[in-house]
Every structure is written in structure tokens, then in C-alpha cells.
Amino acid sequence: MPTTPAATFDEVQVAVADVEGWMTPGQARRLWTCARTVSAGGTIVEIGSFRGRSMIVLASAAGPGVELVAIDPHAGNDRGPQEFEGFQDQAATDLGVFRANLSAAGVADRVRHIRKFSGEALGDVASDIDLLYIDGAHRFGPALDDIRRWSAKIGPGGDLLIHDCFSSIGVTGALAMSLFFGSEFRYLGRSESMTHYRREPLGPGQRVRNAARQAAQLPWFARNVVIKALILAKLGRLTRAFGHDPATWPH
């Protein structure tokens, strides 16, 4: 395993190959590209780090002088698909593996880990965040709280990335309530379920077009809901009809 951070995207793909998590190559590429644009003195914040897969990408891509903050209580809740709570026994293991993975990737010294729930960590991070990546709790209430409260700390021109959009029902509902018709974040697109927004003011006409672009993703959302229902019903083989690998959870 490397002892210095990966210098290229291909190298970071190798570095995270064996790190558990839910991040496709396309999503890793978007994280890498966004992190590379943050200038010295800027701040990158991740909500929901699990075992470090995405933070390794962010920290490897970020230039010198960029602050990197990982917020995750590692409390055994919201660990992954269908793992909302009741996994306290795994919490210590997750934390240990997270730290070991960052160290093995050569980025441990760059990352400030805040071991708190995201709602409790707002005061630990200054405003004018340059890049915020949200991959925390996927239930509607916590997801909406993360989007509303943390996006307010993003500076003008800053980027907002959110995982499991148009895939998780809770996260998609939170998007609809906060960003679909908002006036502060332009929708730039998505890499599978990772959406990308940029903080910039939107006029009335721009807001309508922005909402329409997001609403156009709803058929893909419906597809993912059907796929998940089939997997839960132990009919995963039928997901092949949607071009999906039944061995994986949509993300």
C-alpha cells in the first residue's frame, strides 16, 4: 500500500480498490476533479466517511494548504444500505479501519476527523466551505437537515456534491424540498447517484430551468426504486432487465 498520497486519478483508484464503500469510478472522478479546483486556504468537508474510501480520493486530489474535514460519529448507525441503526458493535471496527485506511493511503495527517453527528458539528467548521460532500444519513429528516444547514456554509462559487440522489427515497425527497426550486444552487449534473451543484444566485427563469433539469432525473429514480424492491424481495435476477448487476445495490 502507498505511504504517500496518490498523485494521479489512476493511482488513487488503485489506493481505494480494497477500501469498503459505495463509490463508482465515475463518482470518484467527480470528487477528484472538484477537489483539484480548491485553492490553498480553502476547505473541503465530507459528511459521512465510513471507512475512508471517498476521503482518500478527496485528500489525494486536494492541493497543499487545503483543509480537509471528515465528519462521522462512527457510532454504528447509517453504515450503508439497510443498515440504519443497531450496529454499535461494528462502530469501533469502522473507526479503526477508517484511520488505518487513511494512513495506508498517506493522507491521515491531512484530514481532521470530527467524531460527531453532523448536526452537532456545525460549530466545528467555519463558513465559506469550498467543497461539501454529503453522504450521511439517508433518511428524509437527517438528509434534509444536512442539505439545508450545511449548504448554508458553502461560499459563493463553492461546490456541493450529494450521494444517493435519485436512488434513496429519503435523499431524493430532501432534494425536492430543498434544492429543486431553490434560488442559490445550480444543478450541474450527476455521476450515477452523485449530484453536483454550485452555489450561485438564480433568477426566476433560471430556477424553473434548474428544477426541470432535476425533475428530468426522476425516471432514473423510479428505476432504482424498482431495482431495490426486487433485491429486497429476493428477485434480484429480474434487475438484469434494467441493465443492473443483481449482486450490487444501486448507488
C-alpha atoms as a PDB file:
ATOM      1  CA  MET A   1       0.000   0.000   0.000  1.00  0.00           C
ATOM      2  CA  PRO A   2       1.230   3.536  -0.712  1.00  0.00           C
ATOM      3  CA  THR A   3       2.743   5.652   2.063  1.00  0.00           C
ATOM      4  CA  THR A   4       2.406   8.916   0.129  1.00  0.00           C
ATOM      5  CA  PRO A   5      -0.823  10.241  -1.401  1.00  0.00           C
ATOM      6  CA  ALA A   6      -1.742   9.179  -4.904  1.00  0.00           C
ATOM      7  CA  ALA A   7      -0.602  11.769  -7.430  1.00  0.00           C
ATOM      8  CA  THR A   8      -2.966  10.836 -10.266  1.00  0.00           C
ATOM      9  CA  PHE A   9      -6.525   9.640 -10.575  1.00  0.00           C
ATOM     10  CA  ASP A  10      -5.363   6.236 -11.787  1.00  0.00           C
ATOM     11  CA  GLU A  11      -3.166   5.913  -8.714  1.00  0.00           C
ATOM     12  CA  VAL A  12      -5.970   6.828  -6.335  1.00  0.00           C
ATOM     13  CA  GLN A  13      -8.199   4.228  -7.956  1.00  0.00           C
ATOM     14  CA  VAL A  14      -5.596   1.645  -7.009  1.00  0.00           C
ATOM     15  CA  ALA A  15      -5.330   3.091  -3.495  1.00  0.00           C
ATOM     16  CA  VAL A  16      -9.069   2.697  -2.810  1.00  0.00           C
ATOM     17  CA  ALA A  17      -9.599  -0.574  -4.678  1.00  0.00           C
ATOM     18  CA  ASP A  18      -9.774  -2.609  -1.469  1.00  0.00           C
ATOM     19  CA  VAL A  19     -11.414   0.051   0.714  1.00  0.00           C
ATOM     20  CA  GLU A  20     -15.007  -0.832   1.541  1.00  0.00           C
ATOM     21  CA  GLY A  21     -17.624   1.689   0.478  1.00  0.00           C
ATOM     22  CA  TRP A  22     -20.105   2.734  -2.178  1.00  0.00           C
ATOM     23  CA  MET A  23     -18.440   4.866  -4.818  1.00  0.00           C
ATOM     24  CA  THR A  24     -18.269   4.173  -8.529  1.00  0.00           C
ATOM     25  CA  PRO A  25     -15.285   5.175 -10.695  1.00  0.00           C
ATOM     26  CA  GLY A  26     -17.384   7.951 -12.225  1.00  0.00           C
ATOM     27  CA  GLN A  27     -18.220   9.315  -8.790  1.00  0.00           C
ATOM     28  CA  ALA A  28     -14.583   9.096  -7.721  1.00  0.00           C
ATOM     29  CA  ARG A  29     -13.627  11.054 -10.829  1.00  0.00           C
ATOM     30  CA  ARG A  30     -16.090  13.831  -9.951  1.00  0.00           C
ATOM     31  CA  LEU A  31     -14.772  14.016  -6.379  1.00  0.00           C
ATOM     32  CA  TRP A  32     -11.209  14.142  -7.672  1.00  0.00           C
ATOM     33  CA  THR A  33     -11.959  16.842 -10.243  1.00  0.00           C
ATOM     34  CA  CYS A  34     -13.820  19.061  -7.775  1.00  0.00           C
ATOM     35  CA  ALA A  35     -11.160  18.698  -5.082  1.00  0.00           C
ATOM     36  CA  ARG A  36      -8.435  19.686  -7.547  1.00  0.00           C
ATOM     37  CA  THR A  37     -10.112  23.071  -8.065  1.00  0.00           C
ATOM     38  CA  VAL A  38      -9.929  24.089  -4.392  1.00  0.00           C
ATOM     39  CA  SER A  39      -7.145  26.605  -3.830  1.00  0.00           C
ATOM     40  CA  ALA A  40      -4.728  26.787  -0.915  1.00  0.00           C
ATOM     41  CA  GLY A  41      -6.519  28.107   2.146  1.00  0.00           C
ATOM     42  CA  GLY A  42      -9.784  26.524   1.029  1.00  0.00           C
ATOM     43  CA  THR A  43     -11.828  23.910   2.850  1.00  0.00           C
ATOM     44  CA  ILE A  44     -13.238  20.536   1.817  1.00  0.00           C
ATOM     45  CA  VAL A  45     -15.799  18.905   4.121  1.00  0.00           C
ATOM     46  CA  GLU A  46     -17.198  15.397   3.925  1.00  0.00           C
ATOM     47  CA  ILE A  47     -20.242  14.284   5.903  1.00  0.00           C
ATOM     48  CA  GLY A  48     -20.285  10.509   6.253  1.00  0.00           C
ATOM     49  CA  SER A  49     -16.850   8.944   5.830  1.00  0.00           C
ATOM     50  CA  PHE A  50     -17.455   5.302   6.833  1.00  0.00           C
ATOM     51  CA  ARG A  51     -14.135   3.567   6.119  1.00  0.00           C
ATOM     52  CA  GLY A  52     -12.473   6.384   4.196  1.00  0.00           C
ATOM     53  CA  ARG A  53     -12.963   5.438   0.555  1.00  0.00           C
ATOM     54  CA  SER A  54     -14.149   8.842  -0.678  1.00  0.00           C
ATOM     55  CA  MET A  55     -11.999  10.868   1.727  1.00  0.00           C
ATOM     56  CA  ILE A  56      -8.890   9.187   0.350  1.00  0.00           C
ATOM     57  CA  VAL A  57      -9.878  10.445  -3.102  1.00  0.00           C
ATOM     58  CA  LEU A  58     -10.564  13.967  -1.827  1.00  0.00           C
ATOM     59  CA  ALA A  59      -7.397  14.188   0.254  1.00  0.00           C
ATOM     60  CA  SER A  60      -5.213  12.784  -2.521  1.00  0.00           C
ATOM     61  CA  ALA A  61      -6.609  15.271  -5.029  1.00  0.00           C
ATOM     62  CA  ALA A  62      -6.505  18.369  -2.818  1.00  0.00           C
ATOM     63  CA  GLY A  63      -3.534  20.663  -3.232  1.00  0.00           C
ATOM     64  CA  PRO A  64      -1.201  21.922  -0.498  1.00  0.00           C
ATOM     65  CA  GLY A  65      -2.785  24.211   2.056  1.00  0.00           C
ATOM     66  CA  VAL A  66      -6.321  22.879   1.622  1.00  0.00           C
ATOM     67  CA  GLU A  67      -8.109  21.941   4.850  1.00  0.00           C
ATOM     68  CA  LEU A  68      -9.830  18.544   4.797  1.00  0.00           C
ATOM     69  CA  VAL A  69     -12.538  17.713   7.328  1.00  0.00           C
ATOM     70  CA  ALA A  70     -14.224  14.326   7.754  1.00  0.00           C
ATOM     71  CA  ILE A  71     -17.396  14.316   9.858  1.00  0.00           C
ATOM     72  CA  ASP A  72     -18.583  10.915  11.022  1.00  0.00           C
ATOM     73  CA  PRO A  73     -19.546   9.777  14.540  1.00  0.00           C
ATOM     74  CA  HIS A  74     -18.685   6.153  13.752  1.00  0.00           C
ATOM     75  CA  ALA A  75     -21.478   5.215  16.096  1.00  0.00           C
ATOM     76  CA  GLY A  76     -22.813   2.160  14.267  1.00  0.00           C
ATOM     77  CA  ASN A  77     -25.688   3.978  12.584  1.00  0.00           C
ATOM     78  CA  ASP A  78     -26.357   4.669   8.890  1.00  0.00           C
ATOM     79  CA  ARG A  79     -23.413   2.489   7.855  1.00  0.00           C
ATOM     80  CA  GLY A  80     -24.759   1.524   4.446  1.00  0.00           C
ATOM     81  CA  PRO A  81     -27.754   0.078   2.585  1.00  0.00           C
ATOM     82  CA  GLN A  82     -30.412  -1.099   5.057  1.00  0.00           C
ATOM     83  CA  GLU A  83     -28.009  -0.519   7.983  1.00  0.00           C
ATOM     84  CA  PHE A  84     -29.696   2.417   9.681  1.00  0.00           C
ATOM     85  CA  GLU A  85     -29.103   1.577  13.343  1.00  0.00           C
ATOM     86  CA  GLY A  86     -28.197  -1.238  15.701  1.00  0.00           C
ATOM     87  CA  PHE A  87     -24.618  -1.742  14.542  1.00  0.00           C
ATOM     88  CA  GLN A  88     -22.839  -0.386  17.610  1.00  0.00           C
ATOM     89  CA  ASP A  89     -20.659  -3.482  17.816  1.00  0.00           C
ATOM     90  CA  GLN A  90     -19.157  -2.588  14.431  1.00  0.00           C
ATOM     91  CA  ALA A  91     -18.570   1.072  15.310  1.00  0.00           C
ATOM     92  CA  ALA A  92     -15.118   0.630  16.852  1.00  0.00           C
ATOM     93  CA  THR A  93     -14.053  -1.548  13.937  1.00  0.00           C
ATOM     94  CA  ASP A  94     -15.274   1.019  11.408  1.00  0.00           C
ATOM     95  CA  LEU A  95     -13.327   3.767  13.172  1.00  0.00           C
ATOM     96  CA  GLY A  96     -10.153   1.708  13.349  1.00  0.00           C
ATOM     97  CA  VAL A  97     -10.370   0.704   9.701  1.00  0.00           C
ATOM     98  CA  PHE A  98     -11.101   4.310   8.698  1.00  0.00           C
ATOM     99  CA  ARG A  99      -7.936   5.512  10.409  1.00  0.00           C
ATOM    100  CA  ALA A 100      -5.863   2.637   9.055  1.00  0.00           C
ATOM    101  CA  ASN A 101      -7.078   3.229   5.506  1.00  0.00           C
ATOM    102  CA  LEU A 102      -6.223   6.937   5.614  1.00  0.00           C
ATOM    103  CA  SER A 103      -2.800   6.100   6.978  1.00  0.00           C
ATOM    104  CA  ALA A 104      -2.151   3.445   4.333  1.00  0.00           C
ATOM    105  CA  ALA A 105      -3.108   5.941   1.624  1.00  0.00           C
ATOM    106  CA  GLY A 106      -0.714   8.525   3.040  1.00  0.00           C
ATOM    107  CA  VAL A 107      -3.381  11.126   3.844  1.00  0.00           C
ATOM    108  CA  ALA A 108      -4.039  10.653   7.571  1.00  0.00           C
ATOM    109  CA  ASP A 109      -2.031  13.736   8.530  1.00  0.00           C
ATOM    110  CA  ARG A 110      -4.072  15.906   6.172  1.00  0.00           C
ATOM    111  CA  VAL A 111      -7.533  15.000   7.463  1.00  0.00           C
ATOM    112  CA  ARG A 112      -9.206  16.436  10.559  1.00  0.00           C
ATOM    113  CA  HIS A 113     -11.743  13.904  11.775  1.00  0.00           C
ATOM    114  CA  ILE A 114     -14.682  15.269  13.754  1.00  0.00           C
ATOM    115  CA  ARG A 115     -16.274  12.319  15.515  1.00  0.00           C
ATOM    116  CA  LYS A 116     -19.725  13.828  15.926  1.00  0.00           C
ATOM    117  CA  PHE A 117     -23.108  13.620  14.267  1.00  0.00           C
ATOM    118  CA  SER A 118     -23.274  16.214  11.510  1.00  0.00           C
ATOM    119  CA  GLY A 119     -25.890  18.298  13.297  1.00  0.00           C
ATOM    120  CA  GLU A 120     -23.580  18.603  16.299  1.00  0.00           C
ATOM    121  CA  ALA A 121     -20.507  19.538  14.248  1.00  0.00           C
ATOM    122  CA  LEU A 122     -21.708  22.755  12.611  1.00  0.00           C
ATOM    123  CA  GLY A 123     -19.771  24.897  15.058  1.00  0.00           C
ATOM    124  CA  ASP A 124     -16.553  22.987  14.398  1.00  0.00           C
ATOM    125  CA  VAL A 125     -16.257  24.155  10.790  1.00  0.00           C
ATOM    126  CA  ALA A 126     -16.037  27.755   9.606  1.00  0.00           C
ATOM    127  CA  SER A 127     -18.263  29.066   6.846  1.00  0.00           C
ATOM    128  CA  ASP A 128     -17.218  29.555   3.221  1.00  0.00           C
ATOM    129  CA  ILE A 129     -16.648  25.867   2.565  1.00  0.00           C
ATOM    130  CA  ASP A 130     -15.301  25.399  -0.963  1.00  0.00           C
ATOM    131  CA  LEU A 131     -16.409  21.796  -1.479  1.00  0.00           C
ATOM    132  CA  LEU A 132     -19.018  19.962   0.572  1.00  0.00           C
ATOM    133  CA  TYR A 133     -19.690  16.273   0.009  1.00  0.00           C
ATOM    134  CA  ILE A 134     -22.753  14.865   1.775  1.00  0.00           C
ATOM    135  CA  ASP A 135     -23.033  11.105   2.166  1.00  0.00           C
ATOM    136  CA  GLY A 136     -24.510  10.902   5.644  1.00  0.00           C
ATOM    137  CA  ALA A 137     -27.822   9.560   6.911  1.00  0.00           C
ATOM    138  CA  HIS A 138     -30.168   8.779   4.018  1.00  0.00           C
ATOM    139  CA  ARG A 139     -33.453   9.079   5.884  1.00  0.00           C
ATOM    140  CA  PHE A 140     -35.525  12.116   4.867  1.00  0.00           C
ATOM    141  CA  GLY A 141     -35.224  14.164   8.068  1.00  0.00           C
ATOM    142  CA  PRO A 142     -31.464  13.881   8.621  1.00  0.00           C
ATOM    143  CA  ALA A 143     -30.747  14.243   4.893  1.00  0.00           C
ATOM    144  CA  LEU A 144     -32.831  17.414   4.678  1.00  0.00           C
ATOM    145  CA  ASP A 145     -31.127  18.797   7.773  1.00  0.00           C
ATOM    146  CA  ASP A 146     -27.671  18.130   6.309  1.00  0.00           C
ATOM    147  CA  ILE A 147     -28.523  19.761   2.996  1.00  0.00           C
ATOM    148  CA  ARG A 148     -30.156  22.843   4.464  1.00  0.00           C
ATOM    149  CA  ARG A 149     -27.818  23.572   7.353  1.00  0.00           C
ATOM    150  CA  TRP A 150     -24.515  22.589   5.809  1.00  0.00           C
ATOM    151  CA  SER A 151     -25.084  24.028   2.332  1.00  0.00           C
ATOM    152  CA  ALA A 152     -25.583  27.405   4.015  1.00  0.00           C
ATOM    153  CA  LYS A 153     -21.891  27.264   4.950  1.00  0.00           C
ATOM    154  CA  ILE A 154     -20.721  26.945   1.333  1.00  0.00           C
ATOM    155  CA  GLY A 155     -19.134  30.095  -0.055  1.00  0.00           C
ATOM    156  CA  PRO A 156     -20.101  31.730  -3.376  1.00  0.00           C
ATOM    157  CA  GLY A 157     -18.997  29.548  -6.268  1.00  0.00           C
ATOM    158  CA  GLY A 158     -18.472  26.577  -3.970  1.00  0.00           C
ATOM    159  CA  ASP A 159     -19.449  23.054  -4.956  1.00  0.00           C
ATOM    160  CA  LEU A 160     -21.978  20.742  -3.315  1.00  0.00           C
ATOM    161  CA  LEU A 161     -21.931  17.002  -4.034  1.00  0.00           C
ATOM    162  CA  ILE A 162     -24.581  14.673  -2.617  1.00  0.00           C
ATOM    163  CA  HIS A 163     -24.530  10.882  -2.806  1.00  0.00           C
ATOM    164  CA  ASP A 164     -27.509   8.556  -3.335  1.00  0.00           C
ATOM    165  CA  CYS A 165     -29.657  11.176  -5.029  1.00  0.00           C
ATOM    166  CA  PHE A 166     -32.378   9.814  -7.299  1.00  0.00           C
ATOM    167  CA  SER A 167     -31.666   6.456  -5.674  1.00  0.00           C
ATOM    168  CA  SER A 168     -32.508   6.812  -1.977  1.00  0.00           C
ATOM    169  CA  ILE A 169     -36.130   7.797  -1.347  1.00  0.00           C
ATOM    170  CA  GLY A 170     -35.167   9.859   1.700  1.00  0.00           C
ATOM    171  CA  VAL A 171     -32.364  11.764  -0.016  1.00  0.00           C
ATOM    172  CA  THR A 172     -34.428  12.384  -3.143  1.00  0.00           C
ATOM    173  CA  GLY A 173     -37.289  13.738  -1.044  1.00  0.00           C
ATOM    174  CA  ALA A 174     -34.834  16.011   0.741  1.00  0.00           C
ATOM    175  CA  LEU A 175     -33.568  17.281  -2.619  1.00  0.00           C
ATOM    176  CA  ALA A 176     -37.097  18.063  -3.740  1.00  0.00           C
ATOM    177  CA  MET A 177     -37.752  20.030  -0.561  1.00  0.00           C
ATOM    178  CA  SER A 178     -34.503  21.982  -0.561  1.00  0.00           C
ATOM    179  CA  LEU A 179     -32.805  22.265  -3.949  1.00  0.00           C
ATOM    180  CA  PHE A 180     -35.322  21.590  -6.724  1.00  0.00           C
ATOM    181  CA  PHE A 181     -36.871  25.057  -6.535  1.00  0.00           C
ATOM    182  CA  GLY A 182     -34.144  26.870  -4.636  1.00  0.00           C
ATOM    183  CA  SER A 183     -32.500  30.115  -5.699  1.00  0.00           C
ATOM    184  CA  GLU A 184     -28.924  29.519  -4.540  1.00  0.00           C
ATOM    185  CA  PHE A 185     -27.630  26.300  -6.118  1.00  0.00           C
ATOM    186  CA  ARG A 186     -27.383  25.476  -9.806  1.00  0.00           C
ATOM    187  CA  TYR A 187     -27.700  21.800 -10.726  1.00  0.00           C
ATOM    188  CA  LEU A 188     -24.694  20.804 -12.851  1.00  0.00           C
ATOM    189  CA  GLY A 189     -25.409  17.114 -13.382  1.00  0.00           C
ATOM    190  CA  ARG A 190     -24.722  13.777 -11.764  1.00  0.00           C
ATOM    191  CA  SER A 191     -22.425  10.765 -11.829  1.00  0.00           C
ATOM    192  CA  GLU A 192     -24.845   7.895 -11.260  1.00  0.00           C
ATOM    193  CA  SER A 193     -26.418   8.846  -7.910  1.00  0.00           C
ATOM    194  CA  MET A 194     -23.953  11.615  -7.036  1.00  0.00           C
ATOM    195  CA  THR A 195     -25.424  15.024  -7.848  1.00  0.00           C
ATOM    196  CA  HIS A 196     -23.358  18.149  -8.340  1.00  0.00           C
ATOM    197  CA  TYR A 197     -24.470  21.694  -7.509  1.00  0.00           C
ATOM    198  CA  ARG A 198     -22.684  25.044  -7.474  1.00  0.00           C
ATOM    199  CA  ARG A 199     -23.595  27.958  -5.260  1.00  0.00           C
ATOM    200  CA  GLU A 200     -24.644  30.873  -7.426  1.00  0.00           C
ATOM    201  CA  PRO A 201     -27.745  33.101  -7.468  1.00  0.00           C
ATOM    202  CA  LEU A 202     -30.574  32.032  -9.778  1.00  0.00           C
ATOM    203  CA  GLY A 203     -33.237  34.297 -11.218  1.00  0.00           C
ATOM    204  CA  PRO A 204     -36.893  33.210 -11.663  1.00  0.00           C
ATOM    205  CA  GLY A 205     -36.399  31.759 -15.145  1.00  0.00           C
ATOM    206  CA  GLN A 206     -33.183  30.045 -14.137  1.00  0.00           C
ATOM    207  CA  ARG A 207     -34.943  28.475 -11.161  1.00  0.00           C
ATOM    208  CA  VAL A 208     -37.597  26.968 -13.416  1.00  0.00           C
ATOM    209  CA  ARG A 209     -34.979  25.513 -15.751  1.00  0.00           C
ATOM    210  CA  ASN A 210     -32.960  24.286 -12.782  1.00  0.00           C
ATOM    211  CA  ALA A 211     -35.988  22.478 -11.359  1.00  0.00           C
ATOM    212  CA  ALA A 212     -36.807  20.962 -14.745  1.00  0.00           C
ATOM    213  CA  ARG A 213     -33.287  19.576 -15.144  1.00  0.00           C
ATOM    214  CA  GLN A 214     -33.527  17.886 -11.760  1.00  0.00           C
ATOM    215  CA  ALA A 215     -37.050  16.604 -12.360  1.00  0.00           C
ATOM    216  CA  ALA A 216     -35.797  15.004 -15.572  1.00  0.00           C
ATOM    217  CA  GLN A 217     -33.835  12.560 -13.389  1.00  0.00           C
ATOM    218  CA  LEU A 218     -36.979  11.146 -11.770  1.00  0.00           C
ATOM    219  CA  PRO A 219     -37.441   8.271 -14.262  1.00  0.00           C
ATOM    220  CA  TRP A 220     -33.971   7.048 -13.287  1.00  0.00           C
ATOM    221  CA  PHE A 221     -35.021   7.380  -9.649  1.00  0.00           C
ATOM    222  CA  ALA A 222     -38.112   5.243 -10.299  1.00  0.00           C
ATOM    223  CA  ARG A 223     -35.902   2.623 -11.950  1.00  0.00           C
ATOM    224  CA  ASN A 224     -33.675   2.468  -8.878  1.00  0.00           C
ATOM    225  CA  VAL A 225     -36.626   2.135  -6.512  1.00  0.00           C
ATOM    226  CA  VAL A 226     -37.935  -0.816  -8.525  1.00  0.00           C
ATOM    227  CA  ILE A 227     -34.488  -2.428  -8.550  1.00  0.00           C
ATOM    228  CA  LYS A 228     -34.169  -2.095  -4.777  1.00  0.00           C
ATOM    229  CA  ALA A 229     -37.644  -3.541  -4.262  1.00  0.00           C
ATOM    230  CA  LEU A 230     -36.740  -6.549  -6.393  1.00  0.00           C
ATOM    231  CA  ILE A 231     -33.493  -7.101  -4.489  1.00  0.00           C
ATOM    232  CA  LEU A 232     -35.281  -6.907  -1.132  1.00  0.00           C
ATOM    233  CA  ALA A 233     -37.894  -9.353  -2.418  1.00  0.00           C
ATOM    234  CA  LYS A 234     -35.046 -11.737  -3.334  1.00  0.00           C
ATOM    235  CA  LEU A 235     -35.840 -11.320  -7.012  1.00  0.00           C
ATOM    236  CA  GLY A 236     -32.545  -9.701  -7.854  1.00  0.00           C
ATOM    237  CA  ARG A 237     -32.163 -11.726 -11.036  1.00  0.00           C
ATOM    238  CA  LEU A 238     -35.000  -9.680 -12.523  1.00  0.00           C
ATOM    239  CA  THR A 239     -32.952  -6.483 -12.204  1.00  0.00           C
ATOM    240  CA  ARG A 240     -30.939  -7.579 -15.220  1.00  0.00           C
ATOM    241  CA  ALA A 241     -33.894  -6.403 -17.293  1.00  0.00           C
ATOM    242  CA  PHE A 242     -32.951  -2.878 -16.173  1.00  0.00           C
ATOM    243  CA  GLY A 243     -29.296  -3.368 -17.048  1.00  0.00           C
ATOM    244  CA  HIS A 244     -28.392  -3.779 -13.383  1.00  0.00           C
ATOM    245  CA  ASP A 245     -25.974  -6.211 -11.749  1.00  0.00           C
ATOM    246  CA  PRO A 246     -28.103  -8.076  -9.159  1.00  0.00           C
ATOM    247  CA  ALA A 247     -25.065  -8.505  -6.904  1.00  0.00           C
ATOM    248  CA  THR A 248     -24.863  -4.761  -6.218  1.00  0.00           C
ATOM    249  CA  TRP A 249     -27.077  -2.198  -4.504  1.00  0.00           C
ATOM    250  CA  PRO A 250     -27.888   0.823  -6.708  1.00  0.00           C
ATOM    251  CA  HIS A 251     -25.616   3.731  -5.846  1.00  0.00           C
END
